[in-house]
Amino acid sequence: MDILVTGSAGFIGFHTAKRLLEADHRVIGLDGMTEYYDTRLKKNRHAILAKFDKFTPLIGMLEDKNTIERIVEIAKPEIIIHLAAQAGVRYSLENPEAYVSSNLIGSWNILELAKQCEVKHLLLASTSSVYGANEKIPFEETDKTCEPMTLYAATKKSMEVMAHSYAHLWKIPTTAFRFFTVYGPWGRPDMALFKFVSAILKDQPIDVYGEGKMRRDFTYVDDLVEAMIRLIPIAPDETNRMSDAGVPETLSHNAPFRIVNIGGGQPVGLMPFIETIETAMSVTAKKNMLPMQKGDVPQTYSSPALLKALTGYIPETTLENGVHAFVGWYQNYLKETEEAPVN
């Protein structure tokens, strides 16, 4: 199949594109190569993808209509996996305009592209941040999501709503994923695991927000990609509506549109998370204990029931194995590049 992956030089987009290329699909990889973090890391990811004959890189911004026109000139994708976004909960406090441009205008351009190409399935990356400070656990896809705590979460929720309208108006089969704290090799420098490992290797203290009392439902990147790949052929329609009791089905009654959590449903406290890193690195980290940051939520906790009902799969990599894999990758990456990516 011809598959467009947006954000292909990003953390999740890179892993997704690589998995698709290994399965012999033709992949158009679109990325804006923005300077939100060190572009060397992005270029190195794309260099790996470029080794595949069926990979076509395209550098351009989602907000630019010319970028969309160039995609159509290259190929008419059958599947779109839209992972590009301005990421980062905390950065949205500093540069809110970037989130409006990328996550709203850019996503709207992707919706227009899906309409023009009459794609078989449009898959969109949303976030567990849309659940806000929800006290009901685990978070189910049918829970209220109208009280976002950050502009980042608000733009992702808005993308979901826009996508539903396009699914209804133009009959575009659409699945929106809500990701839960994804981590793993080739991760972003603004992510906690990356920042902690980098600081520890430099013998610097790590910043522990919320006095270490926060909990996160961590999802290893390979598990996330596996879930997405399994969902590609399950384009939402009435033939795959879940009717089992206890499954929080989100298939719209007005559109071929569904929302699915991708998380394992096994939240871990911040301090046990740090202890896992310390064990993997055989070191005790110096810690700056700090209050909760503006926009942070006390916990995330995914219900994987719908994902399992649809695909028979739940993320399964243990935190110990996932952290060990990241630490090994990061240390090798430093040796190969001779210097750490700029944070």
C-alpha atoms as a PDB file:
ATOM      1  CA  MET A   1       0.000   0.000   0.000  1.00  0.00           C
ATOM      2  CA  ASP A   2       0.956   3.642  -0.404  1.00  0.00           C
ATOM      3  CA  ILE A   3       0.993   5.083   3.110  1.00  0.00           C
ATOM      4  CA  LEU A   4       1.626   8.676   4.166  1.00  0.00           C
ATOM      5  CA  VAL A   5       3.239   9.043   7.589  1.00  0.00           C
ATOM      6  CA  THR A   6       3.393  12.609   8.850  1.00  0.00           C
ATOM      7  CA  GLY A   7       6.087  13.395  11.387  1.00  0.00           C
ATOM      8  CA  SER A   8       8.287  10.640   9.945  1.00  0.00           C
ATOM      9  CA  ALA A   9      11.472  12.167  11.387  1.00  0.00           C
ATOM     10  CA  GLY A  10       9.847  12.356  14.804  1.00  0.00           C
ATOM     11  CA  PHE A  11      10.048   9.770  17.557  1.00  0.00           C
ATOM     12  CA  ILE A  12       6.839   7.831  16.933  1.00  0.00           C
ATOM     13  CA  GLY A  13       6.667   8.615  13.216  1.00  0.00           C
ATOM     14  CA  PHE A  14      10.149   7.183  12.662  1.00  0.00           C
ATOM     15  CA  HIS A  15       9.314   3.901  14.378  1.00  0.00           C
ATOM     16  CA  THR A  16       5.996   3.662  12.531  1.00  0.00           C
ATOM     17  CA  ALA A  17       7.499   4.359   9.106  1.00  0.00           C
ATOM     18  CA  LYS A  18      10.325   1.883   9.727  1.00  0.00           C
ATOM     19  CA  ARG A  19       7.890  -0.856  10.700  1.00  0.00           C
ATOM     20  CA  LEU A  20       5.794  -0.237   7.574  1.00  0.00           C
ATOM     21  CA  LEU A  21       8.851  -0.238   5.320  1.00  0.00           C
ATOM     22  CA  GLU A  22      10.016  -3.509   6.844  1.00  0.00           C
ATOM     23  CA  ALA A  23       6.616  -4.902   5.869  1.00  0.00           C
ATOM     24  CA  ASP A  24       7.322  -3.785   2.267  1.00  0.00           C
ATOM     25  CA  HIS A  25       4.810  -0.925   2.105  1.00  0.00           C
ATOM     26  CA  ARG A  26       5.577   2.250   0.152  1.00  0.00           C
ATOM     27  CA  VAL A  27       5.920   5.107   2.621  1.00  0.00           C
ATOM     28  CA  ILE A  28       5.871   8.842   1.999  1.00  0.00           C
ATOM     29  CA  GLY A  29       7.474  10.426   5.048  1.00  0.00           C
ATOM     30  CA  LEU A  30       6.524  14.036   5.673  1.00  0.00           C
ATOM     31  CA  ASP A  31       8.321  16.111   8.282  1.00  0.00           C
ATOM     32  CA  GLY A  32       8.832  19.823   8.870  1.00  0.00           C
ATOM     33  CA  MET A  33      12.234  19.347  10.575  1.00  0.00           C
ATOM     34  CA  THR A  34      11.344  22.122  13.022  1.00  0.00           C
ATOM     35  CA  GLU A  35      13.871  23.224  15.633  1.00  0.00           C
ATOM     36  CA  TYR A  36      11.719  22.369  18.656  1.00  0.00           C
ATOM     37  CA  TYR A  37      14.632  20.073  19.487  1.00  0.00           C
ATOM     38  CA  ASP A  38      17.984  19.262  17.882  1.00  0.00           C
ATOM     39  CA  THR A  39      17.386  18.485  14.200  1.00  0.00           C
ATOM     40  CA  ARG A  40      20.414  16.189  14.091  1.00  0.00           C
ATOM     41  CA  LEU A  41      18.338  13.557  15.836  1.00  0.00           C
ATOM     42  CA  LYS A  42      15.571  13.957  13.257  1.00  0.00           C
ATOM     43  CA  LYS A  43      18.000  13.796  10.353  1.00  0.00           C
ATOM     44  CA  ASN A  44      19.585  10.656  11.762  1.00  0.00           C
ATOM     45  CA  ARG A  45      16.170   8.996  11.992  1.00  0.00           C
ATOM     46  CA  HIS A  46      15.371   9.920   8.379  1.00  0.00           C
ATOM     47  CA  ALA A  47      18.775   8.651   7.266  1.00  0.00           C
ATOM     48  CA  ILE A  48      17.832   5.198   8.560  1.00  0.00           C
ATOM     49  CA  LEU A  49      14.519   5.295   6.696  1.00  0.00           C
ATOM     50  CA  ALA A  50      16.305   6.426   3.524  1.00  0.00           C
ATOM     51  CA  LYS A  51      18.042   3.049   3.363  1.00  0.00           C
ATOM     52  CA  PHE A  52      14.715   1.560   2.263  1.00  0.00           C
ATOM     53  CA  ASP A  53      14.006   1.772  -1.474  1.00  0.00           C
ATOM     54  CA  LYS A  54      10.298   2.342  -0.892  1.00  0.00           C
ATOM     55  CA  PHE A  55      10.759   5.382   1.343  1.00  0.00           C
ATOM     56  CA  THR A  56      10.102   8.814  -0.136  1.00  0.00           C
ATOM     57  CA  PRO A  57      11.041  11.722   2.167  1.00  0.00           C
ATOM     58  CA  LEU A  58       9.265  15.042   1.890  1.00  0.00           C
ATOM     59  CA  ILE A  59      10.315  18.070   3.938  1.00  0.00           C
ATOM     60  CA  GLY A  60       7.582  20.620   4.461  1.00  0.00           C
ATOM     61  CA  MET A  61       5.240  22.182   6.974  1.00  0.00           C
ATOM     62  CA  LEU A  62       1.705  20.895   7.414  1.00  0.00           C
ATOM     63  CA  GLU A  63       0.441  24.452   7.599  1.00  0.00           C
ATOM     64  CA  ASP A  64       1.669  25.103   4.055  1.00  0.00           C
ATOM     65  CA  LYS A  65      -0.880  24.192   1.380  1.00  0.00           C
ATOM     66  CA  ASN A  66       1.963  23.717  -1.098  1.00  0.00           C
ATOM     67  CA  THR A  67       3.184  20.811   1.015  1.00  0.00           C
ATOM     68  CA  ILE A  68      -0.146  19.055   0.592  1.00  0.00           C
ATOM     69  CA  GLU A  69      -0.058  19.628  -3.162  1.00  0.00           C
ATOM     70  CA  ARG A  70       3.421  18.108  -3.329  1.00  0.00           C
ATOM     71  CA  ILE A  71       2.177  14.966  -1.578  1.00  0.00           C
ATOM     72  CA  VAL A  72      -0.511  14.449  -4.194  1.00  0.00           C
ATOM     73  CA  GLU A  73       2.059  14.941  -6.959  1.00  0.00           C
ATOM     74  CA  ILE A  74       4.241  12.188  -5.477  1.00  0.00           C
ATOM     75  CA  ALA A  75       1.509   9.640  -4.771  1.00  0.00           C
ATOM     76  CA  LYS A  76      -2.117   9.324  -3.821  1.00  0.00           C
ATOM     77  CA  PRO A  77      -1.929   7.661  -0.405  1.00  0.00           C
ATOM     78  CA  GLU A  78      -4.406   4.917   0.439  1.00  0.00           C
ATOM     79  CA  ILE A  79      -3.714   5.250   4.165  1.00  0.00           C
ATOM     80  CA  ILE A  80      -2.720   8.333   6.155  1.00  0.00           C
ATOM     81  CA  ILE A  81      -1.125   8.033   9.585  1.00  0.00           C
ATOM     82  CA  HIS A  82      -1.017  11.565  10.950  1.00  0.00           C
ATOM     83  CA  LEU A  83       1.554  11.729  13.743  1.00  0.00           C
ATOM     84  CA  ALA A  84       3.059  15.172  13.097  1.00  0.00           C
ATOM     85  CA  ALA A  85       2.231  17.752  15.729  1.00  0.00           C
ATOM     86  CA  GLN A  86       3.727  20.358  17.952  1.00  0.00           C
ATOM     87  CA  ALA A  87       4.359  18.141  20.945  1.00  0.00           C
ATOM     88  CA  GLY A  88       5.112  18.915  24.566  1.00  0.00           C
ATOM     89  CA  VAL A  89       2.709  19.843  27.318  1.00  0.00           C
ATOM     90  CA  ARG A  90       5.004  22.384  28.974  1.00  0.00           C
ATOM     91  CA  TYR A  91       6.207  24.064  25.779  1.00  0.00           C
ATOM     92  CA  SER A  92       2.609  25.046  25.019  1.00  0.00           C
ATOM     93  CA  LEU A  93       2.919  27.590  27.847  1.00  0.00           C
ATOM     94  CA  GLU A  94       5.856  29.235  26.074  1.00  0.00           C
ATOM     95  CA  ASN A  95       4.833  29.114  22.422  1.00  0.00           C
ATOM     96  CA  PRO A  96       1.076  28.589  22.078  1.00  0.00           C
ATOM     97  CA  GLU A  97       1.022  29.802  18.476  1.00  0.00           C
ATOM     98  CA  ALA A  98       3.019  26.771  17.346  1.00  0.00           C
ATOM     99  CA  TYR A  99       0.256  24.498  18.626  1.00  0.00           C
ATOM    100  CA  VAL A 100      -2.503  26.375  16.840  1.00  0.00           C
ATOM    101  CA  SER A 101      -0.537  26.367  13.576  1.00  0.00           C
ATOM    102  CA  SER A 102       0.538  22.726  13.595  1.00  0.00           C
ATOM    103  CA  ASN A 103      -2.161  20.900  15.521  1.00  0.00           C
ATOM    104  CA  LEU A 104      -5.165  22.814  14.198  1.00  0.00           C
ATOM    105  CA  ILE A 105      -4.319  24.302  10.788  1.00  0.00           C
ATOM    106  CA  GLY A 106      -1.894  21.508   9.909  1.00  0.00           C
ATOM    107  CA  SER A 107      -4.359  18.810  10.931  1.00  0.00           C
ATOM    108  CA  TRP A 108      -7.104  20.512   8.950  1.00  0.00           C
ATOM    109  CA  ASN A 109      -4.880  20.346   5.865  1.00  0.00           C
ATOM    110  CA  ILE A 110      -4.471  16.616   6.456  1.00  0.00           C
ATOM    111  CA  LEU A 111      -8.249  16.252   6.664  1.00  0.00           C
ATOM    112  CA  GLU A 112      -8.528  18.035   3.330  1.00  0.00           C
ATOM    113  CA  LEU A 113      -5.901  15.705   1.876  1.00  0.00           C
ATOM    114  CA  ALA A 114      -7.779  12.653   3.132  1.00  0.00           C
ATOM    115  CA  LYS A 115     -10.939  13.978   1.536  1.00  0.00           C
ATOM    116  CA  GLN A 116      -9.176  14.667  -1.782  1.00  0.00           C
ATOM    117  CA  CYS A 117      -7.511  11.252  -1.913  1.00  0.00           C
ATOM    118  CA  GLU A 118     -10.569   9.350  -0.655  1.00  0.00           C
ATOM    119  CA  VAL A 119      -8.334   7.353   1.674  1.00  0.00           C
ATOM    120  CA  LYS A 120      -9.322   3.928   2.929  1.00  0.00           C
ATOM    121  CA  HIS A 121      -8.418   4.844   6.514  1.00  0.00           C
ATOM    122  CA  LEU A 122      -7.209   8.016   8.227  1.00  0.00           C
ATOM    123  CA  LEU A 123      -5.404   7.423  11.524  1.00  0.00           C
ATOM    124  CA  LEU A 124      -4.709  10.374  13.824  1.00  0.00           C
ATOM    125  CA  ALA A 125      -2.499  10.727  16.895  1.00  0.00           C
ATOM    126  CA  SER A 126      -4.253  12.275  19.858  1.00  0.00           C
ATOM    127  CA  THR A 127      -3.187  12.161  23.498  1.00  0.00           C
ATOM    128  CA  SER A 128      -4.151  11.040  26.982  1.00  0.00           C
ATOM    129  CA  SER A 129      -3.786  14.711  27.941  1.00  0.00           C
ATOM    130  CA  VAL A 130      -7.352  15.268  26.684  1.00  0.00           C
ATOM    131  CA  TYR A 131      -8.592  13.532  29.856  1.00  0.00           C
ATOM    132  CA  GLY A 132      -7.268  16.419  31.928  1.00  0.00           C
ATOM    133  CA  ALA A 133      -7.303  15.847  35.669  1.00  0.00           C
ATOM    134  CA  ASN A 134      -9.973  13.160  35.405  1.00  0.00           C
ATOM    135  CA  GLU A 135     -10.343  11.455  38.798  1.00  0.00           C
ATOM    136  CA  LYS A 136     -12.197   8.442  37.403  1.00  0.00           C
ATOM    137  CA  ILE A 137      -9.765   5.634  36.644  1.00  0.00           C
ATOM    138  CA  PRO A 138      -8.921   3.961  34.412  1.00  0.00           C
ATOM    139  CA  PHE A 139      -9.548   6.534  31.678  1.00  0.00           C
ATOM    140  CA  GLU A 140     -12.080   5.189  29.190  1.00  0.00           C
ATOM    141  CA  GLU A 141     -12.599   6.632  25.725  1.00  0.00           C
ATOM    142  CA  THR A 142     -16.196   7.538  26.627  1.00  0.00           C
ATOM    143  CA  ASP A 143     -15.111   9.694  29.596  1.00  0.00           C
ATOM    144  CA  LYS A 144     -15.613  13.455  29.555  1.00  0.00           C
ATOM    145  CA  THR A 145     -12.774  15.277  27.783  1.00  0.00           C
ATOM    146  CA  CYS A 146     -14.056  18.854  27.727  1.00  0.00           C
ATOM    147  CA  GLU A 147     -11.773  20.222  30.474  1.00  0.00           C
ATOM    148  CA  PRO A 148      -8.228  20.248  29.007  1.00  0.00           C
ATOM    149  CA  MET A 149      -5.479  21.522  31.293  1.00  0.00           C
ATOM    150  CA  THR A 150      -3.191  22.860  28.545  1.00  0.00           C
ATOM    151  CA  LEU A 151      -3.473  24.355  25.096  1.00  0.00           C
ATOM    152  CA  TYR A 152      -1.673  21.267  23.773  1.00  0.00           C
ATOM    153  CA  ALA A 153      -4.506  19.065  25.044  1.00  0.00           C
ATOM    154  CA  ALA A 154      -7.093  21.535  23.770  1.00  0.00           C
ATOM    155  CA  THR A 155      -5.668  21.455  20.238  1.00  0.00           C
ATOM    156  CA  LYS A 156      -5.609  17.662  20.225  1.00  0.00           C
ATOM    157  CA  LYS A 157      -9.207  17.478  21.398  1.00  0.00           C
ATOM    158  CA  SER A 158     -10.145  20.022  18.736  1.00  0.00           C
ATOM    159  CA  MET A 159      -8.436  17.864  16.115  1.00  0.00           C
ATOM    160  CA  GLU A 160     -10.584  14.913  17.186  1.00  0.00           C
ATOM    161  CA  VAL A 161     -13.735  16.999  16.834  1.00  0.00           C
ATOM    162  CA  MET A 162     -12.722  18.359  13.419  1.00  0.00           C
ATOM    163  CA  ALA A 163     -11.932  14.842  12.243  1.00  0.00           C
ATOM    164  CA  HIS A 164     -15.358  13.605  13.307  1.00  0.00           C
ATOM    165  CA  SER A 165     -17.028  16.306  11.233  1.00  0.00           C
ATOM    166  CA  TYR A 166     -14.988  15.336   8.152  1.00  0.00           C
ATOM    167  CA  ALA A 167     -15.710  11.652   8.735  1.00  0.00           C
ATOM    168  CA  HIS A 168     -19.417  12.495   8.784  1.00  0.00           C
ATOM    169  CA  LEU A 169     -19.461  14.911   5.867  1.00  0.00           C
ATOM    170  CA  TRP A 170     -17.114  13.044   3.525  1.00  0.00           C
ATOM    171  CA  LYS A 171     -17.408   9.456   4.809  1.00  0.00           C
ATOM    172  CA  ILE A 172     -13.703   9.229   5.648  1.00  0.00           C
ATOM    173  CA  PRO A 173     -13.050   6.173   7.865  1.00  0.00           C
ATOM    174  CA  THR A 174     -11.122   7.683  10.767  1.00  0.00           C
ATOM    175  CA  THR A 175      -9.509   6.375  13.943  1.00  0.00           C
ATOM    176  CA  ALA A 176      -8.040   8.733  16.542  1.00  0.00           C
ATOM    177  CA  PHE A 177      -5.518   7.202  18.958  1.00  0.00           C
ATOM    178  CA  ARG A 178      -5.002   8.539  22.456  1.00  0.00           C
ATOM    179  CA  PHE A 179      -1.378   7.807  23.355  1.00  0.00           C
ATOM    180  CA  PHE A 180      -0.222   7.290  26.943  1.00  0.00           C
ATOM    181  CA  THR A 181       3.339   8.451  27.818  1.00  0.00           C
ATOM    182  CA  VAL A 182       5.261   6.796  25.004  1.00  0.00           C
ATOM    183  CA  TYR A 183       8.957   6.102  25.578  1.00  0.00           C
ATOM    184  CA  GLY A 184      11.789   4.129  24.037  1.00  0.00           C
ATOM    185  CA  PRO A 185      14.885   4.346  21.792  1.00  0.00           C
ATOM    186  CA  TRP A 186      15.139   7.398  19.525  1.00  0.00           C
ATOM    187  CA  GLY A 187      12.905   9.336  21.917  1.00  0.00           C
ATOM    188  CA  ARG A 188      12.628  13.120  22.146  1.00  0.00           C
ATOM    189  CA  PRO A 189      15.063  15.134  24.298  1.00  0.00           C
ATOM    190  CA  ASP A 190      12.152  16.876  26.077  1.00  0.00           C
ATOM    191  CA  MET A 191      10.799  13.578  27.425  1.00  0.00           C
ATOM    192  CA  ALA A 192      11.413  12.660  31.071  1.00  0.00           C
ATOM    193  CA  LEU A 193      13.338   9.450  30.373  1.00  0.00           C
ATOM    194  CA  PHE A 194      15.674  11.173  27.908  1.00  0.00           C
ATOM    195  CA  LYS A 195      16.239  14.118  30.259  1.00  0.00           C
ATOM    196  CA  PHE A 196      16.845  11.889  33.290  1.00  0.00           C
ATOM    197  CA  VAL A 197      19.341   9.595  31.560  1.00  0.00           C
ATOM    198  CA  SER A 198      21.173  12.539  30.007  1.00  0.00           C
ATOM    199  CA  ALA A 199      21.457  14.334  33.359  1.00  0.00           C
ATOM    200  CA  ILE A 200      22.584  11.218  35.224  1.00  0.00           C
ATOM    201  CA  LEU A 201      25.345  10.537  32.695  1.00  0.00           C
ATOM    202  CA  LYS A 202      26.558  14.111  33.222  1.00  0.00           C
ATOM    203  CA  ASP A 203      26.377  13.669  37.011  1.00  0.00           C
ATOM    204  CA  GLN A 204      23.747  16.392  37.163  1.00  0.00           C
ATOM    205  CA  PRO A 205      20.618  16.344  39.343  1.00  0.00           C
ATOM    206  CA  ILE A 206      17.258  15.482  37.814  1.00  0.00           C
ATOM    207  CA  ASP A 207      14.167  17.635  38.338  1.00  0.00           C
ATOM    208  CA  VAL A 208      11.397  15.630  40.012  1.00  0.00           C
ATOM    209  CA  TYR A 209       8.110  17.500  39.706  1.00  0.00           C
ATOM    210  CA  GLY A 210       5.042  16.991  41.850  1.00  0.00           C
ATOM    211  CA  GLU A 211       7.315  15.866  44.685  1.00  0.00           C
ATOM    212  CA  GLY A 212       7.510  12.528  42.852  1.00  0.00           C
ATOM    213  CA  LYS A 213       3.868  11.692  43.577  1.00  0.00           C
ATOM    214  CA  MET A 214       2.649  11.635  39.953  1.00  0.00           C
ATOM    215  CA  ARG A 215       1.764   8.398  38.163  1.00  0.00           C
ATOM    216  CA  ARG A 216       1.976   7.662  34.436  1.00  0.00           C
ATOM    217  CA  ASP A 217       0.784   4.820  32.224  1.00  0.00           C
ATOM    218  CA  PHE A 218       3.998   4.243  30.248  1.00  0.00           C
ATOM    219  CA  THR A 219       3.798   2.730  26.739  1.00  0.00           C
ATOM    220  CA  TYR A 220       6.879   1.330  25.027  1.00  0.00           C
ATOM    221  CA  VAL A 221       7.140   2.643  21.477  1.00  0.00           C
ATOM    222  CA  ASP A 222       7.275  -0.794  19.795  1.00  0.00           C
ATOM    223  CA  ASP A 223       4.031  -1.737  21.549  1.00  0.00           C
ATOM    224  CA  LEU A 224       2.414   1.487  20.417  1.00  0.00           C
ATOM    225  CA  VAL A 225       3.409   0.849  16.804  1.00  0.00           C
ATOM    226  CA  GLU A 226       2.167  -2.738  17.009  1.00  0.00           C
ATOM    227  CA  ALA A 227      -1.237  -1.487  18.167  1.00  0.00           C
ATOM    228  CA  MET A 228      -1.426   1.095  15.378  1.00  0.00           C
ATOM    229  CA  ILE A 229      -0.430  -1.440  12.721  1.00  0.00           C
ATOM    230  CA  ARG A 230      -3.118  -3.819  13.923  1.00  0.00           C
ATOM    231  CA  LEU A 231      -5.710  -1.054  13.710  1.00  0.00           C
ATOM    232  CA  ILE A 232      -4.911  -0.054  10.113  1.00  0.00           C
ATOM    233  CA  PRO A 233      -7.187  -2.715   8.541  1.00  0.00           C
ATOM    234  CA  ILE A 234      -9.958  -2.058  11.090  1.00  0.00           C
ATOM    235  CA  ALA A 235     -11.471   1.004   9.420  1.00  0.00           C
ATOM    236  CA  PRO A 236     -14.457   2.062  11.539  1.00  0.00           C
ATOM    237  CA  ASP A 237     -17.878   0.999  10.278  1.00  0.00           C
ATOM    238  CA  GLU A 238     -20.940  -0.797  11.587  1.00  0.00           C
ATOM    239  CA  THR A 239     -19.472  -4.228  10.769  1.00  0.00           C
ATOM    240  CA  ASN A 240     -16.896  -3.893  13.545  1.00  0.00           C
ATOM    241  CA  ARG A 241     -18.982  -2.154  16.208  1.00  0.00           C
ATOM    242  CA  MET A 242     -18.206  -3.677  19.610  1.00  0.00           C
ATOM    243  CA  SER A 243     -21.318  -4.966  21.349  1.00  0.00           C
ATOM    244  CA  ASP A 244     -19.689  -6.792  24.274  1.00  0.00           C
ATOM    245  CA  ALA A 245     -20.782  -5.557  27.681  1.00  0.00           C
ATOM    246  CA  GLY A 246     -18.092  -3.624  29.464  1.00  0.00           C
ATOM    247  CA  VAL A 247     -16.302  -2.395  26.332  1.00  0.00           C
ATOM    248  CA  PRO A 248     -16.493   1.414  26.052  1.00  0.00           C
ATOM    249  CA  GLU A 249     -17.233   1.535  22.295  1.00  0.00           C
ATOM    250  CA  THR A 250     -16.696   4.932  20.688  1.00  0.00           C
ATOM    251  CA  LEU A 251     -17.802   4.238  17.112  1.00  0.00           C
ATOM    252  CA  SER A 252     -19.924   7.240  16.206  1.00  0.00           C
ATOM    253  CA  HIS A 253     -23.569   6.765  15.277  1.00  0.00           C
ATOM    254  CA  ASN A 254     -23.157   9.579  12.751  1.00  0.00           C
ATOM    255  CA  ALA A 255     -19.820   8.877  11.107  1.00  0.00           C
ATOM    256  CA  PRO A 256     -17.213   6.163  10.429  1.00  0.00           C
ATOM    257  CA  PHE A 257     -15.165   7.525  13.330  1.00  0.00           C
ATOM    258  CA  ARG A 258     -13.699   5.907  16.427  1.00  0.00           C
ATOM    259  CA  ILE A 259     -11.397   6.870  19.312  1.00  0.00           C
ATOM    260  CA  VAL A 260      -9.073   4.255  20.830  1.00  0.00           C
ATOM    261  CA  ASN A 261      -6.741   4.440  23.819  1.00  0.00           C
ATOM    262  CA  ILE A 262      -3.297   2.942  23.303  1.00  0.00           C
ATOM    263  CA  GLY A 263      -1.902   2.166  26.729  1.00  0.00           C
ATOM    264  CA  GLY A 264      -1.282  -0.895  28.827  1.00  0.00           C
ATOM    265  CA  GLY A 265      -3.362   0.072  31.823  1.00  0.00           C
ATOM    266  CA  GLN A 266      -0.498  -0.317  34.319  1.00  0.00           C
ATOM    267  CA  PRO A 267       0.405   3.112  35.714  1.00  0.00           C
ATOM    268  CA  VAL A 268       3.703   3.547  37.568  1.00  0.00           C
ATOM    269  CA  GLY A 269       4.638   6.173  40.137  1.00  0.00           C
ATOM    270  CA  LEU A 270       7.320   8.689  39.248  1.00  0.00           C
ATOM    271  CA  MET A 271       9.657   7.533  42.014  1.00  0.00           C
ATOM    272  CA  PRO A 272       9.485   3.831  41.012  1.00  0.00           C
ATOM    273  CA  PHE A 273      10.084   5.000  37.426  1.00  0.00           C
ATOM    274  CA  ILE A 274      13.242   6.811  38.534  1.00  0.00           C
ATOM    275  CA  GLU A 275      14.328   3.771  40.552  1.00  0.00           C
ATOM    276  CA  THR A 276      13.982   1.659  37.394  1.00  0.00           C
ATOM    277  CA  ILE A 277      16.302   4.068  35.567  1.00  0.00           C
ATOM    278  CA  GLU A 278      18.770   3.992  38.452  1.00  0.00           C
ATOM    279  CA  THR A 279      18.814   0.192  38.387  1.00  0.00           C
ATOM    280  CA  ALA A 280      19.353   0.121  34.615  1.00  0.00           C
ATOM    281  CA  MET A 281      22.260   2.564  34.963  1.00  0.00           C
ATOM    282  CA  SER A 282      23.640   1.159  38.238  1.00  0.00           C
ATOM    283  CA  VAL A 283      23.645   4.601  39.832  1.00  0.00           C
ATOM    284  CA  THR A 284      21.668   6.666  42.325  1.00  0.00           C
ATOM    285  CA  ALA A 285      20.440   9.899  40.778  1.00  0.00           C
ATOM    286  CA  LYS A 286      20.746  13.287  42.447  1.00  0.00           C
ATOM    287  CA  LYS A 287      17.257  14.728  42.722  1.00  0.00           C
ATOM    288  CA  ASN A 288      15.716  18.204  42.831  1.00  0.00           C
ATOM    289  CA  MET A 289      12.278  17.725  44.402  1.00  0.00           C
ATOM    290  CA  LEU A 290       9.975  20.370  42.909  1.00  0.00           C
ATOM    291  CA  PRO A 291       6.255  21.238  43.037  1.00  0.00           C
ATOM    292  CA  MET A 292       3.839  20.285  40.282  1.00  0.00           C
ATOM    293  CA  GLN A 293       4.284  22.311  37.101  1.00  0.00           C
ATOM    294  CA  LYS A 294       1.450  24.325  35.629  1.00  0.00           C
ATOM    295  CA  GLY A 295      -0.638  22.126  33.309  1.00  0.00           C
ATOM    296  CA  ASP A 296       0.597  18.802  34.721  1.00  0.00           C
ATOM    297  CA  VAL A 297      -1.934  16.202  35.862  1.00  0.00           C
ATOM    298  CA  PRO A 298      -1.491  13.868  38.844  1.00  0.00           C
ATOM    299  CA  GLN A 299      -1.961  10.650  36.893  1.00  0.00           C
ATOM    300  CA  THR A 300      -2.757   8.962  33.609  1.00  0.00           C
ATOM    301  CA  TYR A 301      -4.303   5.499  33.483  1.00  0.00           C
ATOM    302  CA  SER A 302      -5.512   3.876  30.271  1.00  0.00           C
ATOM    303  CA  SER A 303      -8.346   1.434  29.894  1.00  0.00           C
ATOM    304  CA  PRO A 304      -7.112  -0.927  27.138  1.00  0.00           C
ATOM    305  CA  ALA A 305     -10.453  -2.759  26.870  1.00  0.00           C
ATOM    306  CA  LEU A 306     -11.503  -1.348  23.495  1.00  0.00           C
ATOM    307  CA  LEU A 307      -8.048  -1.826  21.971  1.00  0.00           C
ATOM    308  CA  LYS A 308      -8.032  -5.454  23.085  1.00  0.00           C
ATOM    309  CA  ALA A 309     -11.557  -6.060  21.793  1.00  0.00           C
ATOM    310  CA  LEU A 310     -10.643  -4.660  18.376  1.00  0.00           C
ATOM    311  CA  THR A 311      -7.168  -6.147  17.949  1.00  0.00           C
ATOM    312  CA  GLY A 312      -6.666  -8.828  20.590  1.00  0.00           C
ATOM    313  CA  TYR A 313      -3.606  -6.884  21.711  1.00  0.00           C
ATOM    314  CA  ILE A 314      -2.493  -4.853  24.732  1.00  0.00           C
ATOM    315  CA  PRO A 315       0.928  -3.192  25.169  1.00  0.00           C
ATOM    316  CA  GLU A 316       3.033  -5.681  27.101  1.00  0.00           C
ATOM    317  CA  THR A 317       6.674  -4.573  27.356  1.00  0.00           C
ATOM    318  CA  THR A 318       7.685  -4.218  31.004  1.00  0.00           C
ATOM    319  CA  LEU A 319       9.012  -0.882  32.200  1.00  0.00           C
ATOM    320  CA  GLU A 320      12.261  -2.586  33.215  1.00  0.00           C
ATOM    321  CA  ASN A 321      12.853  -3.953  29.714  1.00  0.00           C
ATOM    322  CA  GLY A 322      11.801  -0.738  28.020  1.00  0.00           C
ATOM    323  CA  VAL A 323      14.014   1.498  30.152  1.00  0.00           C
ATOM    324  CA  HIS A 324      16.951  -0.871  29.714  1.00  0.00           C
ATOM    325  CA  ALA A 325      16.496  -0.710  25.929  1.00  0.00           C
ATOM    326  CA  PHE A 326      16.439   3.092  25.991  1.00  0.00           C
ATOM    327  CA  VAL A 327      19.538   3.384  28.168  1.00  0.00           C
ATOM    328  CA  GLY A 328      21.433   1.020  25.860  1.00  0.00           C
ATOM    329  CA  TRP A 329      20.345   2.974  22.785  1.00  0.00           C
ATOM    330  CA  TYR A 330      21.242   6.328  24.313  1.00  0.00           C
ATOM    331  CA  GLN A 331      24.724   5.253  25.353  1.00  0.00           C
ATOM    332  CA  ASN A 332      25.384   3.833  21.875  1.00  0.00           C
ATOM    333  CA  TYR A 333      23.998   6.972  20.256  1.00  0.00           C
ATOM    334  CA  LEU A 334      26.427   9.101  22.229  1.00  0.00           C
ATOM    335  CA  LYS A 335      29.340   6.978  21.060  1.00  0.00           C
ATOM    336  CA  GLU A 336      28.218   7.105  17.453  1.00  0.00           C
ATOM    337  CA  THR A 337      27.661  10.864  17.367  1.00  0.00           C
ATOM    338  CA  GLU A 338      30.483  11.737  19.816  1.00  0.00           C
ATOM    339  CA  GLU A 339      28.198  14.216  21.508  1.00  0.00           C
ATOM    340  CA  ALA A 340      24.717  14.220  22.992  1.00  0.00           C
ATOM    341  CA  PRO A 341      21.820  15.861  21.125  1.00  0.00           C
ATOM    342  CA  VAL A 342      21.237  19.401  22.326  1.00  0.00           C
ATOM    343  CA  ASN A 343      18.417  19.550  24.883  1.00  0.00           C
END
